[in-house]
């Protein structure tokens, strides 16, 4: 994850928790709206769910700065070369 901890999909599957994957970017307005909601959800249900935010195509430094400024506490991964999802919003 963005903090340097190793996170594997298998470890998430074996955690006996429900998993929510959220694909996002720093410039996506809908992504920014849902992040505080996911953050509160992750705190409230920490024993039952695992939320993992997967940033698409931005540098780890940019992602780390953004996450710290927003106070996001759930796991965040960065995929600088990702092509697994597209956002319906166009980059400004």
Protein backbone atom coordinates (compact mmCIF):
# COMPACT_ATOMS: atom_id res chain seq x y z
CA UNK A 1 0.00 0.00 0.00
CA UNK A 2 0.99 3.66 -0.10
CA UNK A 3 2.44 3.41 3.44
CA UNK A 4 4.87 0.74 2.29
CA UNK A 5 3.05 -2.25 3.78
CA UNK A 6 2.79 -5.32 1.56
CA UNK A 7 -0.84 -6.09 0.66
CA UNK A 8 -1.77 -9.08 -1.43
CA UNK A 9 -5.17 -9.92 -2.80
CA UNK A 10 -4.88 -13.40 -1.27
CA UNK A 11 -4.30 -11.95 2.20
CA UNK A 12 -7.44 -9.84 1.77
CA UNK A 13 -9.46 -12.86 0.67
CA UNK A 14 -8.22 -14.85 3.66
CA UNK A 15 -9.10 -12.14 6.17
CA UNK A 16 -12.72 -13.33 6.54
CA UNK A 17 -13.88 -9.77 5.90
CA UNK A 18 -15.95 -8.33 3.11
CA UNK A 19 -13.74 -6.44 0.64
CA UNK A 20 -14.56 -3.17 -1.06
CA UNK A 21 -12.24 -2.05 -3.85
CA UNK A 22 -12.50 1.59 -4.83
CA UNK A 23 -10.68 2.70 -7.98
CA UNK A 24 -9.98 6.44 -7.93
CA UNK A 25 -7.82 9.39 -8.99
CA UNK A 26 -7.07 12.69 -7.27
CA UNK A 27 -8.76 14.69 -10.03
CA UNK A 28 -12.07 12.73 -10.14
CA UNK A 29 -14.84 14.74 -8.39
CA UNK A 30 -17.02 11.68 -7.70
CA UNK A 31 -14.03 9.85 -6.21
CA UNK A 32 -13.36 12.76 -3.89
CA UNK A 33 -16.99 12.79 -2.75
CA UNK A 34 -17.02 9.10 -1.84
CA UNK A 35 -13.67 8.99 -0.01
CA UNK A 36 -14.86 10.56 3.29
CA UNK A 37 -17.88 8.24 3.23
CA UNK A 38 -15.67 5.20 2.70
CA UNK A 39 -13.33 6.43 5.43
CA UNK A 40 -16.17 6.63 7.98
CA UNK A 41 -17.54 3.28 6.80
CA UNK A 42 -14.09 1.69 7.24
CA UNK A 43 -13.85 3.02 10.81
CA UNK A 44 -17.37 1.97 11.77
CA UNK A 45 -17.13 -1.56 10.35
CA UNK A 46 -13.39 -2.24 10.72
CA UNK A 47 -14.03 -5.71 12.15
CA UNK A 48 -16.26 -6.73 9.25
CA UNK A 49 -14.94 -5.05 6.09
CA UNK A 50 -11.68 -4.11 4.42
CA UNK A 51 -11.68 -1.13 2.10
CA UNK A 52 -8.84 -0.76 -0.37
CA UNK A 53 -8.56 2.33 -2.53
CA UNK A 54 -6.64 1.73 -5.75
CA UNK A 55 -5.30 4.87 -7.34
CA UNK A 56 -4.94 4.83 -11.09
CA UNK A 57 -1.94 6.22 -12.94
CA UNK A 58 -0.66 8.79 -10.44
CA UNK A 59 2.69 8.87 -8.67
CA UNK A 60 3.00 7.49 -5.16
CA UNK A 61 4.17 10.90 -3.96
CA UNK A 62 1.09 12.61 -5.40
CA UNK A 63 -1.21 9.96 -3.92
CA UNK A 64 0.47 10.07 -0.50
CA UNK A 65 0.16 13.86 -0.34
CA UNK A 66 -3.51 13.75 -1.33
CA UNK A 67 -4.39 10.99 1.16
CA UNK A 68 -2.64 12.77 4.00
CA UNK A 69 -4.40 16.05 3.21
CA UNK A 70 -7.81 14.30 3.26
CA UNK A 71 -7.15 12.20 6.39
CA UNK A 72 -7.95 8.92 4.65
CA UNK A 73 -7.16 5.95 6.89
CA UNK A 74 -8.17 2.89 4.87
CA UNK A 75 -5.61 1.03 2.75
CA UNK A 76 -4.52 2.83 -0.40
CA UNK A 77 -2.57 1.30 -3.24
CA UNK A 78 -1.07 3.09 -6.22
CA UNK A 79 -0.97 1.61 -9.71
CA UNK A 80 1.07 4.05 -11.74
CA UNK A 81 0.67 1.99 -14.93
CA UNK A 82 -2.90 0.79 -14.36
CA UNK A 83 -5.32 0.09 -17.16
CA UNK A 84 -7.94 -1.87 -15.21
CA UNK A 85 -10.61 0.81 -14.99
CA UNK A 86 -11.65 4.09 -16.49
CA UNK A 87 -13.37 7.02 -14.88
CA UNK A 88 -16.44 8.45 -16.60
CA UNK A 89 -15.16 11.94 -15.82
CA UNK A 90 -12.60 13.55 -18.09
CA UNK A 91 -9.38 14.77 -16.56
CA UNK A 92 -9.34 18.60 -16.29
